[in-house]
């Protein structure tokens, strides 16, 4: 039997969580990631920051920037989907 890794992301508007399950574990309980780049906490900021060149920071890295963080982008996606729920033919591209 091959080993599998399953990852679950709770993508929140302001904070997110990530857990994983390794099929080789006998207890079969998901492991919640609680440590992010020397920061501890179950929840990480749902933020992204695009810097100079091709630099991209997310989570705590983006939160530590002075300005230019992008947040609440989950709601922008939701606004794009809501009109499509009525069945408009050009929504699903």
PDB file of N, CA and C in Angstrom:
ATOM      1  N   UNK A   1       0.846  -1.184   0.000  1.00  0.00           N
ATOM      2  CA  UNK A   1       0.000   0.000   0.000  1.00  0.00           C
ATOM      3  C   UNK A   1       0.888   1.241   0.000  1.00  0.00           C
ATOM      4  N   UNK A   2       0.580   2.187  -0.858  1.00  0.00           N
ATOM      5  CA  UNK A   2       1.399   3.397  -0.926  1.00  0.00           C
ATOM      6  C   UNK A   2       1.005   4.385   0.169  1.00  0.00           C
ATOM      7  N   UNK A   3       1.964   5.162   0.564  1.00  0.00           N
ATOM      8  CA  UNK A   3       1.750   6.180   1.594  1.00  0.00           C
ATOM      9  C   UNK A   3       1.132   7.413   0.945  1.00  0.00           C
ATOM     10  N   UNK A   4       0.118   8.006   1.610  1.00  0.00           N
ATOM     11  CA  UNK A   4      -0.551   9.184   1.077  1.00  0.00           C
ATOM     12  C   UNK A   4      -0.562  10.285   2.123  1.00  0.00           C
ATOM     13  N   UNK A   5      -0.484  11.511   1.666  1.00  0.00           N
ATOM     14  CA  UNK A   5      -0.571  12.685   2.531  1.00  0.00           C
ATOM     15  C   UNK A   5      -1.783  13.485   2.082  1.00  0.00           C
ATOM     16  N   UNK A   6      -2.706  13.719   3.011  1.00  0.00           N
ATOM     17  CA  UNK A   6      -3.895  14.507   2.729  1.00  0.00           C
ATOM     18  C   UNK A   6      -3.771  15.832   3.467  1.00  0.00           C
ATOM     19  N   UNK A   7      -4.019  16.933   2.773  1.00  0.00           N
ATOM     20  CA  UNK A   7      -3.910  18.266   3.360  1.00  0.00           C
ATOM     21  C   UNK A   7      -5.280  18.934   3.310  1.00  0.00           C
ATOM     22  N   UNK A   8      -5.668  19.543   4.435  1.00  0.00           N
ATOM     23  CA  UNK A   8      -6.931  20.271   4.512  1.00  0.00           C
ATOM     24  C   UNK A   8      -6.640  21.725   4.860  1.00  0.00           C
ATOM     25  N   UNK A   9      -7.281  22.634   4.158  1.00  0.00           N
ATOM     26  CA  UNK A   9      -7.093  24.065   4.406  1.00  0.00           C
ATOM     27  C   UNK A   9      -8.444  24.682   4.742  1.00  0.00           C
ATOM     28  N   UNK A  10      -8.518  25.291   5.907  1.00  0.00           N
ATOM     29  CA  UNK A  10      -9.697  26.074   6.291  1.00  0.00           C
ATOM     30  C   UNK A  10      -9.353  27.504   5.903  1.00  0.00           C
ATOM     31  N   UNK A  11      -9.771  27.904   4.710  1.00  0.00           N
ATOM     32  CA  UNK A  11      -9.411  29.201   4.135  1.00  0.00           C
ATOM     33  C   UNK A  11     -10.410  30.241   4.612  1.00  0.00           C
ATOM     34  N   UNK A  12     -10.039  30.970   5.653  1.00  0.00           N
ATOM     35  CA  UNK A  12     -10.938  31.960   6.239  1.00  0.00           C
ATOM     36  C   UNK A  12     -10.740  33.343   5.649  1.00  0.00           C
ATOM     37  N   UNK A  13     -11.668  34.206   5.930  1.00  0.00           N
ATOM     38  CA  UNK A  13     -11.612  35.577   5.428  1.00  0.00           C
ATOM     39  C   UNK A  13     -10.450  36.348   6.041  1.00  0.00           C
ATOM     40  N   UNK A  14     -10.233  36.195   7.347  1.00  0.00           N
ATOM     41  CA  UNK A  14      -9.156  36.932   8.022  1.00  0.00           C
ATOM     42  C   UNK A  14      -8.053  36.020   8.552  1.00  0.00           C
ATOM     43  N   UNK A  15      -8.381  34.795   8.909  1.00  0.00           N
ATOM     44  CA  UNK A  15      -7.391  33.825   9.392  1.00  0.00           C
ATOM     45  C   UNK A  15      -7.681  32.464   8.776  1.00  0.00           C
ATOM     46  N   UNK A  16      -6.658  31.644   8.629  1.00  0.00           N
ATOM     47  CA  UNK A  16      -6.804  30.312   8.052  1.00  0.00           C
ATOM     48  C   UNK A  16      -6.103  29.285   8.923  1.00  0.00           C
ATOM     49  N   UNK A  17      -6.435  28.013   8.711  1.00  0.00           N
ATOM     50  CA  UNK A  17      -5.793  26.890   9.405  1.00  0.00           C
ATOM     51  C   UNK A  17      -5.441  25.832   8.371  1.00  0.00           C
ATOM     52  N   UNK A  18      -4.416  25.032   8.707  1.00  0.00           N
ATOM     53  CA  UNK A  18      -4.004  23.938   7.827  1.00  0.00           C
ATOM     54  C   UNK A  18      -3.766  22.699   8.678  1.00  0.00           C
ATOM     55  N   UNK A  19      -4.238  21.568   8.189  1.00  0.00           N
ATOM     56  CA  UNK A  19      -4.018  20.288   8.856  1.00  0.00           C
ATOM     57  C   UNK A  19      -3.625  19.265   7.800  1.00  0.00           C
ATOM     58  N   UNK A  20      -2.982  18.185   8.251  1.00  0.00           N
ATOM     59  CA  UNK A  20      -2.619  17.107   7.333  1.00  0.00           C
ATOM     60  C   UNK A  20      -2.814  15.760   8.009  1.00  0.00           C
ATOM     61  N   UNK A  21      -2.931  14.741   7.181  1.00  0.00           N
ATOM     62  CA  UNK A  21      -3.091  13.380   7.654  1.00  0.00           C
ATOM     63  C   UNK A  21      -2.158  12.497   6.843  1.00  0.00           C
ATOM     64  N   UNK A  22      -1.287  11.800   7.519  1.00  0.00           N
ATOM     65  CA  UNK A  22      -0.351  10.872   6.892  1.00  0.00           C
ATOM     66  C   UNK A  22      -0.954   9.479   7.012  1.00  0.00           C
ATOM     67  N   UNK A  23      -1.160   8.811   5.897  1.00  0.00           N
ATOM     68  CA  UNK A  23      -1.810   7.495   5.908  1.00  0.00           C
ATOM     69  C   UNK A  23      -0.983   6.438   6.639  1.00  0.00           C
ATOM     70  N   UNK A  24       0.290   6.714   6.890  1.00  0.00           N
ATOM     71  CA  UNK A  24       1.114   5.733   7.602  1.00  0.00           C
ATOM     72  C   UNK A  24       0.919   5.808   9.116  1.00  0.00           C
ATOM     73  N   UNK A  25       0.229   6.857   9.608  1.00  0.00           N
ATOM     74  CA  UNK A  25      -0.055   6.953  11.043  1.00  0.00           C
ATOM     75  C   UNK A  25      -1.153   5.964  11.397  1.00  0.00           C
ATOM     76  N   UNK A  26      -0.957   5.270  12.482  1.00  0.00           N
ATOM     77  CA  UNK A  26      -1.948   4.269  12.877  1.00  0.00           C
ATOM     78  C   UNK A  26      -3.164   4.884  13.552  1.00  0.00           C
ATOM     79  N   UNK A  27      -3.016   6.055  14.162  1.00  0.00           N
ATOM     80  CA  UNK A  27      -4.153   6.657  14.869  1.00  0.00           C
ATOM     81  C   UNK A  27      -5.121   7.369  13.926  1.00  0.00           C
ATOM     82  N   UNK A  28      -4.688   7.710  12.725  1.00  0.00           N
ATOM     83  CA  UNK A  28      -5.527   8.344  11.702  1.00  0.00           C
ATOM     84  C   UNK A  28      -6.145   9.669  12.127  1.00  0.00           C
ATOM     85  N   UNK A  29      -5.543  10.370  13.030  1.00  0.00           N
ATOM     86  CA  UNK A  29      -6.029  11.691  13.448  1.00  0.00           C
ATOM     87  C   UNK A  29      -5.260  12.764  12.680  1.00  0.00           C
ATOM     88  N   UNK A  30      -5.944  13.762  12.122  1.00  0.00           N
ATOM     89  CA  UNK A  30      -5.237  14.852  11.430  1.00  0.00           C
ATOM     90  C   UNK A  30      -4.362  15.639  12.393  1.00  0.00           C
ATOM     91  N   UNK A  31      -3.271  16.155  11.875  1.00  0.00           N
ATOM     92  CA  UNK A  31      -2.356  16.988  12.647  1.00  0.00           C
ATOM     93  C   UNK A  31      -2.541  18.434  12.224  1.00  0.00           C
ATOM     94  N   UNK A  32      -2.909  19.287  13.157  1.00  0.00           N
ATOM     95  CA  UNK A  32      -3.080  20.707  12.887  1.00  0.00           C
ATOM     96  C   UNK A  32      -1.712  21.380  12.951  1.00  0.00           C
ATOM     97  N   UNK A  33      -1.348  22.103  11.911  1.00  0.00           N
ATOM     98  CA  UNK A  33      -0.061  22.799  11.902  1.00  0.00           C
ATOM     99  C   UNK A  33      -0.166  23.990  12.834  1.00  0.00           C
ATOM    100  N   UNK A  34       0.747  24.050  13.814  1.00  0.00           N
ATOM    101  CA  UNK A  34       0.701  25.096  14.839  1.00  0.00           C
ATOM    102  C   UNK A  34       1.963  25.943  14.873  1.00  0.00           C
ATOM    103  N   UNK A  35       2.910  25.691  13.980  1.00  0.00           N
ATOM    104  CA  UNK A  35       4.163  26.461  13.972  1.00  0.00           C
ATOM    105  C   UNK A  35       4.447  26.904  12.543  1.00  0.00           C
ATOM    106  N   UNK A  36       4.599  28.193  12.373  1.00  0.00           N
ATOM    107  CA  UNK A  36       4.821  28.788  11.059  1.00  0.00           C
ATOM    108  C   UNK A  36       6.034  29.703  11.112  1.00  0.00           C
ATOM    109  N   UNK A  37       7.132  29.302  10.506  1.00  0.00           N
ATOM    110  CA  UNK A  37       8.330  30.150  10.415  1.00  0.00           C
ATOM    111  C   UNK A  37       8.650  30.825  11.747  1.00  0.00           C
ATOM    112  N   UNK A  38       8.848  30.028  12.758  1.00  0.00           N
ATOM    113  CA  UNK A  38       9.221  30.498  14.104  1.00  0.00           C
ATOM    114  C   UNK A  38       8.092  31.235  14.817  1.00  0.00           C
ATOM    115  N   UNK A  39       6.894  31.195  14.295  1.00  0.00           N
ATOM    116  CA  UNK A  39       5.714  31.768  14.955  1.00  0.00           C
ATOM    117  C   UNK A  39       4.796  30.619  15.340  1.00  0.00           C
ATOM    118  N   UNK A  40       4.206  30.697  16.487  1.00  0.00           N
ATOM    119  CA  UNK A  40       3.296  29.651  16.933  1.00  0.00           C
ATOM    120  C   UNK A  40       1.861  30.138  16.895  1.00  0.00           C
ATOM    121  N   UNK A  41       0.975  29.249  16.581  1.00  0.00           N
ATOM    122  CA  UNK A  41      -0.448  29.559  16.569  1.00  0.00           C
ATOM    123  C   UNK A  41      -1.166  28.712  15.548  1.00  0.00           C
ATOM    124  N   UNK A  42      -2.345  28.257  15.898  1.00  0.00           N
ATOM    125  CA  UNK A  42      -3.121  27.433  14.977  1.00  0.00           C
ATOM    126  C   UNK A  42      -3.602  28.224  13.774  1.00  0.00           C
ATOM    127  N   UNK A  43      -3.888  29.496  13.989  1.00  0.00           N
ATOM    128  CA  UNK A  43      -4.440  30.307  12.908  1.00  0.00           C
ATOM    129  C   UNK A  43      -3.377  31.253  12.359  1.00  0.00           C
ATOM    130  N   UNK A  44      -3.343  31.352  11.038  1.00  0.00           N
ATOM    131  CA  UNK A  44      -2.410  32.265  10.385  1.00  0.00           C
ATOM    132  C   UNK A  44      -3.211  33.324   9.630  1.00  0.00           C
ATOM    133  N   UNK A  45      -2.689  34.538   9.511  1.00  0.00           N
ATOM    134  CA  UNK A  45      -3.421  35.589   8.800  1.00  0.00           C
ATOM    135  C   UNK A  45      -3.630  35.220   7.326  1.00  0.00           C
ATOM    136  N   UNK A  46      -4.821  35.440   6.828  1.00  0.00           N
ATOM    137  CA  UNK A  46      -5.109  35.223   5.412  1.00  0.00           C
ATOM    138  C   UNK A  46      -4.741  36.515   4.690  1.00  0.00           C
ATOM    139  N   UNK A  47      -3.443  36.693   4.497  1.00  0.00           N
ATOM    140  CA  UNK A  47      -2.888  37.892   3.857  1.00  0.00           C
ATOM    141  C   UNK A  47      -1.822  37.484   2.856  1.00  0.00           C
ATOM    142  N   UNK A  48      -1.649  38.296   1.833  1.00  0.00           N
ATOM    143  CA  UNK A  48      -0.558  38.125   0.885  1.00  0.00           C
ATOM    144  C   UNK A  48       0.060  39.501   0.640  1.00  0.00           C
ATOM    145  N   UNK A  49       1.353  39.518   0.366  1.00  0.00           N
ATOM    146  CA  UNK A  49       2.069  40.764   0.065  1.00  0.00           C
ATOM    147  C   UNK A  49       3.002  40.498  -1.112  1.00  0.00           C
ATOM    148  N   UNK A  50       2.826  41.273  -2.185  1.00  0.00           N
ATOM    149  CA  UNK A  50       3.696  41.171  -3.350  1.00  0.00           C
ATOM    150  C   UNK A  50       4.726  42.274  -3.254  1.00  0.00           C
ATOM    151  N   UNK A  51       5.985  41.884  -3.158  1.00  0.00           N
ATOM    152  CA  UNK A  51       7.064  42.851  -3.010  1.00  0.00           C
ATOM    153  C   UNK A  51       7.772  43.121  -4.320  1.00  0.00           C
ATOM    154  N   UNK A  52       8.943  43.739  -4.203  1.00  0.00           N
ATOM    155  CA  UNK A  52       9.739  44.075  -5.381  1.00  0.00           C
ATOM    156  C   UNK A  52      10.151  42.806  -6.131  1.00  0.00           C
ATOM    157  N   UNK A  53      10.219  42.920  -7.428  1.00  0.00           N
ATOM    158  CA  UNK A  53      10.596  41.763  -8.237  1.00  0.00           C
ATOM    159  C   UNK A  53       9.521  40.697  -8.168  1.00  0.00           C
ATOM    160  N   UNK A  54       9.927  39.498  -7.833  1.00  0.00           N
ATOM    161  CA  UNK A  54       8.961  38.398  -7.747  1.00  0.00           C
ATOM    162  C   UNK A  54       8.766  37.937  -6.302  1.00  0.00           C
ATOM    163  N   UNK A  55       9.078  38.803  -5.353  1.00  0.00           N
ATOM    164  CA  UNK A  55       8.952  38.465  -3.937  1.00  0.00           C
ATOM    165  C   UNK A  55       7.489  38.397  -3.512  1.00  0.00           C
ATOM    166  N   UNK A  56       7.116  37.285  -2.845  1.00  0.00           N
ATOM    167  CA  UNK A  56       5.756  37.102  -2.349  1.00  0.00           C
ATOM    168  C   UNK A  56       5.838  36.597  -0.909  1.00  0.00           C
ATOM    169  N   UNK A  57       5.124  37.258  -0.026  1.00  0.00           N
ATOM    170  CA  UNK A  57       5.005  36.814   1.362  1.00  0.00           C
ATOM    171  C   UNK A  57       3.542  36.522   1.636  1.00  0.00           C
ATOM    172  N   UNK A  58       3.279  35.586   2.526  1.00  0.00           N
ATOM    173  CA  UNK A  58       1.905  35.273   2.908  1.00  0.00           C
ATOM    174  C   UNK A  58       1.868  35.001   4.404  1.00  0.00           C
ATOM    175  N   UNK A  59       0.677  34.996   4.965  1.00  0.00           N
ATOM    176  CA  UNK A  59       0.520  34.690   6.385  1.00  0.00           C
ATOM    177  C   UNK A  59       1.227  35.691   7.273  1.00  0.00           C
ATOM    178  N   UNK A  60       1.989  35.177   8.237  1.00  0.00           N
ATOM    179  CA  UNK A  60       2.700  36.051   9.173  1.00  0.00           C
ATOM    180  C   UNK A  60       3.739  36.920   8.460  1.00  0.00           C
ATOM    181  N   UNK A  61       4.344  36.403   7.382  1.00  0.00           N
ATOM    182  CA  UNK A  61       5.308  37.185   6.621  1.00  0.00           C
ATOM    183  C   UNK A  61       4.678  38.427   6.015  1.00  0.00           C
ATOM    184  N   UNK A  62       3.474  38.284   5.480  1.00  0.00           N
ATOM    185  CA  UNK A  62       2.758  39.430   4.915  1.00  0.00           C
ATOM    186  C   UNK A  62       2.289  40.372   6.016  1.00  0.00           C
ATOM    187  N   UNK A  63       1.876  39.819   7.152  1.00  0.00           N
ATOM    188  CA  UNK A  63       1.375  40.642   8.267  1.00  0.00           C
ATOM    189  C   UNK A  63       2.476  41.522   8.850  1.00  0.00           C
ATOM    190  N   UNK A  64       3.736  41.104   8.699  1.00  0.00           N
ATOM    191  CA  UNK A  64       4.838  41.875   9.273  1.00  0.00           C
ATOM    192  C   UNK A  64       5.273  43.059   8.399  1.00  0.00           C
ATOM    193  N   UNK A  65       4.727  43.173   7.208  1.00  0.00           N
ATOM    194  CA  UNK A  65       5.075  44.287   6.316  1.00  0.00           C
ATOM    195  C   UNK A  65       4.404  45.570   6.786  1.00  0.00           C
ATOM    196  N   UNK A  66       5.049  46.712   6.518  1.00  0.00           N
ATOM    197  CA  UNK A  66       4.509  48.013   6.932  1.00  0.00           C
ATOM    198  C   UNK A  66       3.233  48.380   6.195  1.00  0.00           C
ATOM    199  N   UNK A  67       3.168  48.055   4.915  1.00  0.00           N
ATOM    200  CA  UNK A  67       1.984  48.406   4.119  1.00  0.00           C
ATOM    201  C   UNK A  67       1.924  47.492   2.900  1.00  0.00           C
ATOM    202  N   UNK A  68       0.800  47.553   2.216  1.00  0.00           N
ATOM    203  CA  UNK A  68       0.655  46.833   0.955  1.00  0.00           C
ATOM    204  C   UNK A  68       0.149  45.410   1.071  1.00  0.00           C
ATOM    205  N   UNK A  69      -0.321  45.011   2.252  1.00  0.00           N
ATOM    206  CA  UNK A  69      -0.879  43.671   2.376  1.00  0.00           C
ATOM    207  C   UNK A  69      -2.231  43.606   1.679  1.00  0.00           C
ATOM    208  N   UNK A  70      -2.528  42.459   1.120  1.00  0.00           N
ATOM    209  CA  UNK A  70      -3.824  42.248   0.495  1.00  0.00           C
ATOM    210  C   UNK A  70      -4.561  41.212   1.335  1.00  0.00           C
ATOM    211  N   UNK A  71      -5.720  41.592   1.821  1.00  0.00           N
ATOM    212  CA  UNK A  71      -6.529  40.689   2.626  1.00  0.00           C
ATOM    213  C   UNK A  71      -7.965  40.693   2.139  1.00  0.00           C
ATOM    214  N   UNK A  72      -8.761  39.883   2.722  1.00  0.00           N
ATOM    215  CA  UNK A  72     -10.188  39.775   2.410  1.00  0.00           C
ATOM    216  C   UNK A  72     -10.431  39.384   0.952  1.00  0.00           C
ATOM    217  N   UNK A  73      -9.425  38.817   0.273  1.00  0.00           N
ATOM    218  CA  UNK A  73      -9.593  38.459  -1.132  1.00  0.00           C
ATOM    219  C   UNK A  73     -10.547  37.286  -1.312  1.00  0.00           C
ATOM    220  N   UNK A  74     -10.807  36.535  -0.252  1.00  0.00           N
ATOM    221  CA  UNK A  74     -11.798  35.462  -0.326  1.00  0.00           C
ATOM    222  C   UNK A  74     -13.172  36.044  -0.694  1.00  0.00           C
ATOM    223  N   UNK A  75     -13.496  37.215  -0.169  1.00  0.00           N
ATOM    224  CA  UNK A  75     -14.790  37.836  -0.468  1.00  0.00           C
ATOM    225  C   UNK A  75     -14.884  38.274  -1.916  1.00  0.00           C
ATOM    226  N   UNK A  76     -13.776  38.661  -2.517  1.00  0.00           N
ATOM    227  CA  UNK A  76     -13.787  39.042  -3.927  1.00  0.00           C
ATOM    228  C   UNK A  76     -14.152  37.840  -4.784  1.00  0.00           C
ATOM    229  N   UNK A  77     -13.642  36.679  -4.417  1.00  0.00           N
ATOM    230  CA  UNK A  77     -13.984  35.459  -5.163  1.00  0.00           C
ATOM    231  C   UNK A  77     -15.459  35.124  -4.969  1.00  0.00           C
ATOM    232  N   UNK A  78     -15.959  35.297  -3.774  1.00  0.00           N
ATOM    233  CA  UNK A  78     -17.360  35.018  -3.492  1.00  0.00           C
ATOM    234  C   UNK A  78     -18.264  35.926  -4.319  1.00  0.00           C
ATOM    235  N   UNK A  79     -17.901  37.198  -4.438  1.00  0.00           N
ATOM    236  CA  UNK A  79     -18.710  38.128  -5.245  1.00  0.00           C
ATOM    237  C   UNK A  79     -18.726  37.699  -6.709  1.00  0.00           C
ATOM    238  N   UNK A  80     -17.660  37.064  -7.168  1.00  0.00           N
ATOM    239  CA  UNK A  80     -17.618  36.608  -8.556  1.00  0.00           C
ATOM    240  C   UNK A  80     -18.505  35.386  -8.769  1.00  0.00           C
ATOM    241  N   UNK A  81     -18.723  34.603  -7.727  1.00  0.00           N
ATOM    242  CA  UNK A  81     -19.493  33.370  -7.859  1.00  0.00           C
ATOM    243  C   UNK A  81     -20.987  33.597  -7.652  1.00  0.00           C
ATOM    244  N   UNK A  82     -21.363  34.504  -6.762  1.00  0.00           N
ATOM    245  CA  UNK A  82     -22.778  34.691  -6.425  1.00  0.00           C
ATOM    246  C   UNK A  82     -23.652  34.952  -7.659  1.00  0.00           C
ATOM    247  N   UNK A  83     -23.266  35.834  -8.600  1.00  0.00           N
ATOM    248  CA  UNK A  83     -24.126  36.029  -9.777  1.00  0.00           C
ATOM    249  C   UNK A  83     -24.286  34.749 -10.606  1.00  0.00           C
ATOM    250  N   UNK A  84     -23.320  33.864 -10.537  1.00  0.00           N
ATOM    251  CA  UNK A  84     -23.372  32.639 -11.325  1.00  0.00           C
ATOM    252  C   UNK A  84     -24.351  31.618 -10.756  1.00  0.00           C
ATOM    253  N   UNK A  85     -24.730  31.771  -9.518  1.00  0.00           N
ATOM    254  CA  UNK A  85     -25.634  30.802  -8.913  1.00  0.00           C
ATOM    255  C   UNK A  85     -27.005  30.839  -9.570  1.00  0.00           C
ATOM    256  N   UNK A  86     -27.315  31.915 -10.252  1.00  0.00           N
ATOM    257  CA  UNK A  86     -28.575  32.007 -10.979  1.00  0.00           C
ATOM    258  C   UNK A  86     -28.544  31.293 -12.305  1.00  0.00           C
ATOM    259  N   UNK A  87     -27.389  30.790 -12.700  1.00  0.00           N
ATOM    260  CA  UNK A  87     -27.285  30.010 -13.938  1.00  0.00           C
ATOM    261  C   UNK A  87     -26.879  30.803 -15.162  1.00  0.00           C
ATOM    262  N   UNK A  88     -26.322  31.996 -14.978  1.00  0.00           N
ATOM    263  CA  UNK A  88     -25.874  32.771 -16.137  1.00  0.00           C
ATOM    264  C   UNK A  88     -24.849  31.957 -16.927  1.00  0.00           C
ATOM    265  N   UNK A  89     -25.061  31.780 -18.247  1.00  0.00           N
ATOM    266  CA  UNK A  89     -24.208  30.882 -19.033  1.00  0.00           C
ATOM    267  C   UNK A  89     -22.755  31.321 -19.163  1.00  0.00           C
ATOM    268  N   UNK A  90     -22.449  32.611 -19.056  1.00  0.00           N
ATOM    269  CA  UNK A  90     -21.080  33.065 -19.249  1.00  0.00           C
ATOM    270  C   UNK A  90     -20.264  33.083 -17.947  1.00  0.00           C
ATOM    271  N   UNK A  91     -20.815  32.606 -16.860  1.00  0.00           N
ATOM    272  CA  UNK A  91     -20.106  32.641 -15.576  1.00  0.00           C
ATOM    273  C   UNK A  91     -19.018  31.587 -15.466  1.00  0.00           C
ATOM    274  N   UNK A  92     -19.219  30.428 -16.013  1.00  0.00           N
ATOM    275  CA  UNK A  92     -18.295  29.307 -15.788  1.00  0.00           C
ATOM    276  C   UNK A  92     -17.358  29.168 -16.978  1.00  0.00           C
ATOM    277  N   UNK A  93     -16.229  29.820 -16.855  1.00  0.00           N
ATOM    278  CA  UNK A  93     -15.235  29.781 -17.948  1.00  0.00           C
ATOM    279  C   UNK A  93     -14.039  28.989 -17.522  1.00  0.00           C
TER     280      UNK A  93
END
